[in-house]
N, C-alpha and C. Protein backbone atom coordinates (compact mmCIF):
# COMPACT_ATOMS: atom_id res chain seq x y z
N MET A 1 80.75 112.11 104.92
CA MET A 1 82.25 111.63 105.38
C MET A 1 83.09 111.70 104.45
N PHE A 2 84.34 112.03 104.73
CA PHE A 2 85.39 112.36 103.84
C PHE A 2 86.44 111.21 103.94
N ALA A 3 86.71 110.71 102.87
CA ALA A 3 87.72 109.63 102.93
C ALA A 3 88.86 110.05 102.12
N PHE A 4 90.13 109.92 102.71
CA PHE A 4 91.48 110.27 102.06
C PHE A 4 92.24 109.10 101.94
N PHE A 5 92.69 108.65 100.58
CA PHE A 5 93.57 107.49 100.38
C PHE A 5 94.83 107.96 100.24
N CYS A 6 95.84 107.22 100.63
CA CYS A 6 97.26 107.56 100.61
C CYS A 6 97.86 106.49 99.93
N ARG A 7 98.73 106.72 98.94
CA ARG A 7 99.43 105.77 98.17
C ARG A 7 100.72 105.45 98.95
N CYS A 8 101.15 104.25 99.12
CA CYS A 8 102.40 103.82 99.60
C CYS A 8 103.39 103.64 98.40
N PHE A 9 104.57 104.53 98.53
CA PHE A 9 105.64 104.35 97.52
C PHE A 9 106.73 103.71 98.16
N GLU A 10 107.01 102.54 97.79
CA GLU A 10 108.31 101.70 98.03
C GLU A 10 109.26 101.32 96.87
N LEU A 11 110.52 101.38 97.18
CA LEU A 11 111.50 101.20 96.30
C LEU A 11 111.33 99.61 95.84
N GLU A 12 111.54 99.52 94.56
CA GLU A 12 111.62 98.00 94.03
C GLU A 12 113.13 97.70 93.42
N LEU A 13 113.87 97.06 94.54
CA LEU A 13 115.26 96.86 94.25
C LEU A 13 115.34 95.78 93.21
N THR A 14 116.37 95.97 92.39
CA THR A 14 116.84 94.98 91.33
C THR A 14 118.25 94.68 91.55
N SER A 15 118.80 93.59 90.79
CA SER A 15 120.07 93.39 91.10
C SER A 15 121.16 94.63 90.61
N ASN A 16 120.62 95.42 89.65
CA ASN A 16 121.65 96.45 89.23
C ASN A 16 121.01 97.77 89.77
N TYR A 17 120.37 97.85 90.79
CA TYR A 17 119.80 99.03 91.46
C TYR A 17 121.01 99.87 91.96
N ASN A 18 121.04 101.16 91.50
CA ASN A 18 122.13 101.84 92.11
C ASN A 18 121.60 103.41 92.43
N HIS A 19 122.46 104.29 92.61
CA HIS A 19 122.36 105.60 93.12
C HIS A 19 121.43 106.51 92.07
N ASN A 20 121.70 106.32 90.73
CA ASN A 20 120.85 106.82 89.75
C ASN A 20 119.47 106.31 89.84
N SER A 21 119.36 104.99 89.92
CA SER A 21 118.09 104.32 90.09
C SER A 21 117.23 104.99 91.14
N PHE A 22 117.84 105.13 92.32
CA PHE A 22 117.28 105.67 93.45
C PHE A 22 116.84 107.05 93.09
N LEU A 23 117.64 107.92 92.63
CA LEU A 23 117.25 109.33 92.29
C LEU A 23 116.11 109.42 91.35
N ASP A 24 116.12 108.41 90.45
CA ASP A 24 115.05 108.38 89.58
C ASP A 24 113.71 108.00 90.20
N ASP A 25 113.74 107.12 91.19
CA ASP A 25 112.55 106.89 92.04
C ASP A 25 112.13 107.98 93.07
N VAL A 26 113.02 108.79 93.35
CA VAL A 26 112.62 109.99 94.24
C VAL A 26 112.14 111.03 93.38
N ARG A 27 112.55 111.13 92.11
CA ARG A 27 111.84 112.09 91.15
C ARG A 27 110.59 111.58 90.89
N ARG A 28 110.17 110.46 90.69
CA ARG A 28 108.90 109.91 90.41
C ARG A 28 108.12 110.10 91.78
N LEU A 29 108.57 109.99 92.89
CA LEU A 29 107.88 110.07 94.07
C LEU A 29 107.50 111.51 94.33
N TYR A 30 108.28 112.45 93.96
CA TYR A 30 108.02 114.05 94.13
C TYR A 30 107.04 114.35 92.88
N PHE A 31 107.16 113.71 91.83
CA PHE A 31 106.27 114.06 90.74
C PHE A 31 104.71 113.66 91.02
N ASN A 32 104.55 112.46 91.67
CA ASN A 32 103.42 111.92 92.12
C ASN A 32 102.68 112.86 93.15
N ALA A 33 103.61 113.03 94.23
CA ALA A 33 103.20 113.75 95.31
C ALA A 33 102.71 115.29 94.97
N GLY A 34 103.59 115.85 94.10
CA GLY A 34 103.48 117.24 93.91
C GLY A 34 102.63 117.38 92.53
N ALA A 35 103.09 117.21 91.57
CA ALA A 35 102.35 117.55 90.26
C ALA A 35 100.99 116.82 90.17
N ARG A 36 100.89 115.44 90.57
CA ARG A 36 99.63 114.88 90.56
C ARG A 36 98.69 114.95 91.82
N ASN A 37 99.41 115.60 92.74
CA ASN A 37 98.78 115.93 94.20
C ASN A 37 98.09 114.57 94.74
N GLU A 38 98.83 113.53 94.76
CA GLU A 38 98.54 112.19 95.26
C GLU A 38 99.00 112.18 96.76
N GLY A 39 98.30 111.88 97.65
CA GLY A 39 98.60 111.61 99.01
C GLY A 39 99.56 110.41 99.04
N THR A 40 100.96 110.52 99.47
CA THR A 40 101.84 109.68 99.22
C THR A 40 102.62 109.35 100.62
N THR A 41 102.96 108.15 100.95
CA THR A 41 103.82 107.74 101.91
C THR A 41 105.03 107.14 101.49
N PHE A 42 106.18 107.45 101.81
CA PHE A 42 107.37 107.03 101.46
C PHE A 42 107.84 105.95 102.39
N LEU A 43 108.09 104.72 102.01
CA LEU A 43 108.39 103.56 102.97
C LEU A 43 109.76 103.17 102.48
N LEU A 44 110.58 103.22 103.38
CA LEU A 44 111.95 102.82 103.02
C LEU A 44 112.46 102.09 104.39
N THR A 45 112.98 100.81 104.03
CA THR A 45 113.45 100.02 105.25
C THR A 45 115.13 99.93 105.03
N ASP A 46 115.50 99.50 106.11
CA ASP A 46 117.04 99.56 106.24
C ASP A 46 117.75 98.61 105.18
N THR A 47 116.91 97.48 104.84
CA THR A 47 117.56 96.50 103.82
C THR A 47 117.31 97.17 102.36
N GLN A 48 116.63 98.25 102.24
CA GLN A 48 116.66 98.83 100.85
C GLN A 48 117.64 99.94 100.82
N ILE A 49 118.63 100.17 101.73
CA ILE A 49 119.71 101.05 101.71
C ILE A 49 120.86 100.37 100.99
N VAL A 50 121.06 100.20 99.86
CA VAL A 50 122.20 99.31 99.35
C VAL A 50 123.33 100.19 98.99
N GLN A 51 123.34 101.45 98.97
CA GLN A 51 124.47 102.35 98.89
C GLN A 51 124.37 103.46 100.03
N GLU A 52 125.49 103.86 100.53
CA GLU A 52 125.44 104.95 101.70
C GLU A 52 124.96 106.41 101.09
N GLU A 53 125.12 106.43 99.84
CA GLU A 53 124.60 107.89 99.29
C GLU A 53 123.09 107.87 99.60
N PHE A 54 122.28 106.84 99.63
CA PHE A 54 120.89 106.81 99.99
C PHE A 54 120.66 107.87 101.34
N ILE A 55 121.44 107.38 102.17
CA ILE A 55 121.25 107.93 103.59
C ILE A 55 121.22 109.43 103.65
N GLU A 56 122.36 109.94 102.72
CA GLU A 56 122.62 111.43 102.78
C GLU A 56 121.39 111.94 101.98
N ASP A 57 120.99 111.45 100.87
CA ASP A 57 119.87 112.02 100.11
C ASP A 57 118.62 111.95 101.03
N ILE A 58 118.35 111.05 101.75
CA ILE A 58 117.06 111.01 102.61
C ILE A 58 117.36 112.07 103.72
N SER A 59 118.33 112.16 104.29
CA SER A 59 118.69 113.19 105.34
C SER A 59 118.51 114.52 104.65
N ASN A 60 118.88 114.85 103.54
CA ASN A 60 118.61 115.99 102.84
C ASN A 60 117.23 116.41 102.72
N ILE A 61 116.44 115.36 102.29
CA ILE A 61 115.04 115.59 102.11
C ILE A 61 114.36 115.94 103.34
N LEU A 62 114.74 115.16 104.52
CA LEU A 62 114.13 115.46 105.66
C LEU A 62 114.47 116.75 106.31
N ASN A 63 115.71 117.14 106.07
CA ASN A 63 116.28 118.39 106.48
C ASN A 63 115.65 119.73 105.85
N SER A 64 115.38 119.51 104.48
CA SER A 64 114.82 120.76 103.69
C SER A 64 113.30 120.67 103.88
N GLY A 65 112.63 119.71 104.17
CA GLY A 65 111.20 119.62 104.36
C GLY A 65 110.43 119.67 103.05
N LYS A 66 111.14 119.35 101.98
CA LYS A 66 110.49 119.25 100.51
C LYS A 66 110.42 117.93 100.11
């Protein structure tokens, strides 16, 4: 029997969380999923979108398929 475990990646917001912090988290997500070959689920809720730029970045990720 084969078991596949998937890591859930979720943003940890702080009081000074900004667009640069978001991009750093996305880089870390990509590194873990790609370079480390970890099964990863990215969980993002509407309350975690603290700046409008997050939506554009997520849209670009979904459109590019990368």
